[in-house]
C-alpha cells in the first residue's frame, strides 16, 4: 500500500505508527477482545472433534445408534454447542 501522507511525513512517523499499532494490537489480545483469524487452528480442530463426538453421543442416546439420523444429530449437537458459547 502506498499512503502518500505517511510517505511524505517520513520514516520516523512510519516507525512510530507501527509501534502504536503493535502496542494497540497487544493490548487488545491481552484483554481478550481480539484474536487473529486463523491463528487458532488447533482450537478449531479440537472443537470440531468435540462436535463430532457430541454428534456420535446424540446418535447413541437419542436415536439408538441409527446413523441415518446423522443430520438431525448434527443439528442437535450444534445447537447444544452454541448454547454453551452464549
Protein backbone atom coordinates (compact mmCIF):
# COMPACT_ATOMS: atom_id res chain seq x y z
CA UNK A 1 0.00 0.00 0.00
CA UNK A 2 1.12 3.50 -0.68
CA UNK A 3 -0.08 6.09 1.80
CA UNK A 4 1.15 9.36 0.36
CA UNK A 5 0.70 11.38 3.55
CA UNK A 6 2.71 8.84 5.55
CA UNK A 7 5.41 8.73 2.90
CA UNK A 8 5.67 12.50 2.99
CA UNK A 9 5.79 12.53 6.81
CA UNK A 10 8.87 10.38 6.81
CA UNK A 11 10.31 7.19 8.13
CA UNK A 12 10.18 8.20 11.81
CA UNK A 13 6.43 8.69 11.66
CA UNK A 14 6.01 5.34 9.94
CA UNK A 15 8.00 3.59 12.66
CA UNK A 16 6.03 5.41 15.35
CA UNK A 17 2.74 4.30 13.75
CA UNK A 18 3.93 0.69 13.53
CA UNK A 19 4.86 0.79 17.21
CA UNK A 20 1.50 2.28 18.16
CA UNK A 21 -0.43 -0.33 16.17
CA UNK A 22 1.66 -3.14 17.65
CA UNK A 23 1.00 -1.84 21.18
CA UNK A 24 -2.70 -1.48 20.49
CA UNK A 25 -2.82 -4.98 18.98
CA UNK A 26 -1.04 -6.45 22.01
CA UNK A 27 -3.38 -4.67 24.43
CA UNK A 28 -6.47 -5.95 22.61
CA UNK A 29 -5.15 -9.51 22.57
CA UNK A 30 -4.22 -9.33 26.25
CA UNK A 31 -7.71 -8.08 27.07
CA UNK A 32 -9.19 -10.98 25.13
CA UNK A 33 -11.20 -8.80 22.79
CA UNK A 34 -9.31 -9.64 19.65
CA UNK A 35 -7.86 -12.77 18.15
CA UNK A 36 -6.07 -13.40 14.94
CA UNK A 37 -8.26 -15.15 12.42
CA UNK A 38 -6.72 -18.46 11.52
CA UNK A 39 -4.32 -18.43 14.45
CA UNK A 40 -6.47 -20.79 16.47
CA UNK A 41 -6.31 -23.78 14.14
CA UNK A 42 -5.65 -26.16 16.99
CA UNK A 43 -8.69 -24.89 18.88
CA UNK A 44 -10.83 -25.29 15.77
CA UNK A 45 -9.62 -28.86 15.31
CA UNK A 46 -10.38 -29.61 18.94
CA UNK A 47 -13.83 -28.04 18.77
CA UNK A 48 -14.56 -29.90 15.53
CA UNK A 49 -13.51 -33.17 17.13
CA UNK A 50 -15.67 -32.30 20.13
CA UNK A 51 -18.64 -31.59 17.88
CA UNK A 52 -18.22 -34.92 16.09
CA UNK A 53 -18.03 -36.71 19.44
CA UNK A 54 -21.19 -34.89 20.53
CA UNK A 55 -22.94 -35.98 17.32
CA UNK A 56 -21.96 -39.60 17.99
CA UNK A 57 -23.27 -39.26 21.55
CA UNK A 58 -26.60 -37.86 20.33
CA UNK A 59 -26.91 -40.70 17.81
CA UNK A 60 -26.33 -43.24 20.58
CA UNK A 61 -28.60 -41.65 23.14
CA UNK A 62 -31.43 -40.14 21.14
CA UNK A 63 -31.53 -42.28 18.00
CA UNK A 64 -30.42 -45.67 19.39
CA UNK A 65 -27.34 -45.73 17.15
CA UNK A 66 -29.29 -45.07 13.93
CA UNK A 67 -26.68 -43.30 11.79
CA UNK A 68 -29.29 -42.39 9.18
CA UNK A 69 -30.30 -39.66 11.65
CA UNK A 70 -26.82 -38.08 11.44
CA UNK A 71 -28.08 -34.75 10.07
CA UNK A 72 -30.59 -34.40 12.89
CA UNK A 73 -27.99 -35.37 15.46
CA UNK A 74 -25.61 -32.79 14.00
CA UNK A 75 -28.25 -30.07 14.37
CA UNK A 76 -28.90 -31.06 17.98
CA UNK A 77 -25.18 -31.22 18.86
CA UNK A 78 -24.53 -27.89 17.13
CA UNK A 79 -27.40 -26.23 18.99
CA UNK A 80 -26.04 -27.53 22.28
CA UNK A 81 -22.54 -26.23 21.49
CA UNK A 82 -23.94 -22.81 20.52
CA UNK A 83 -25.90 -22.66 23.77
CA UNK A 84 -22.68 -23.29 25.71
CA UNK A 85 -21.00 -20.33 23.99
CA UNK A 86 -23.72 -17.88 24.96
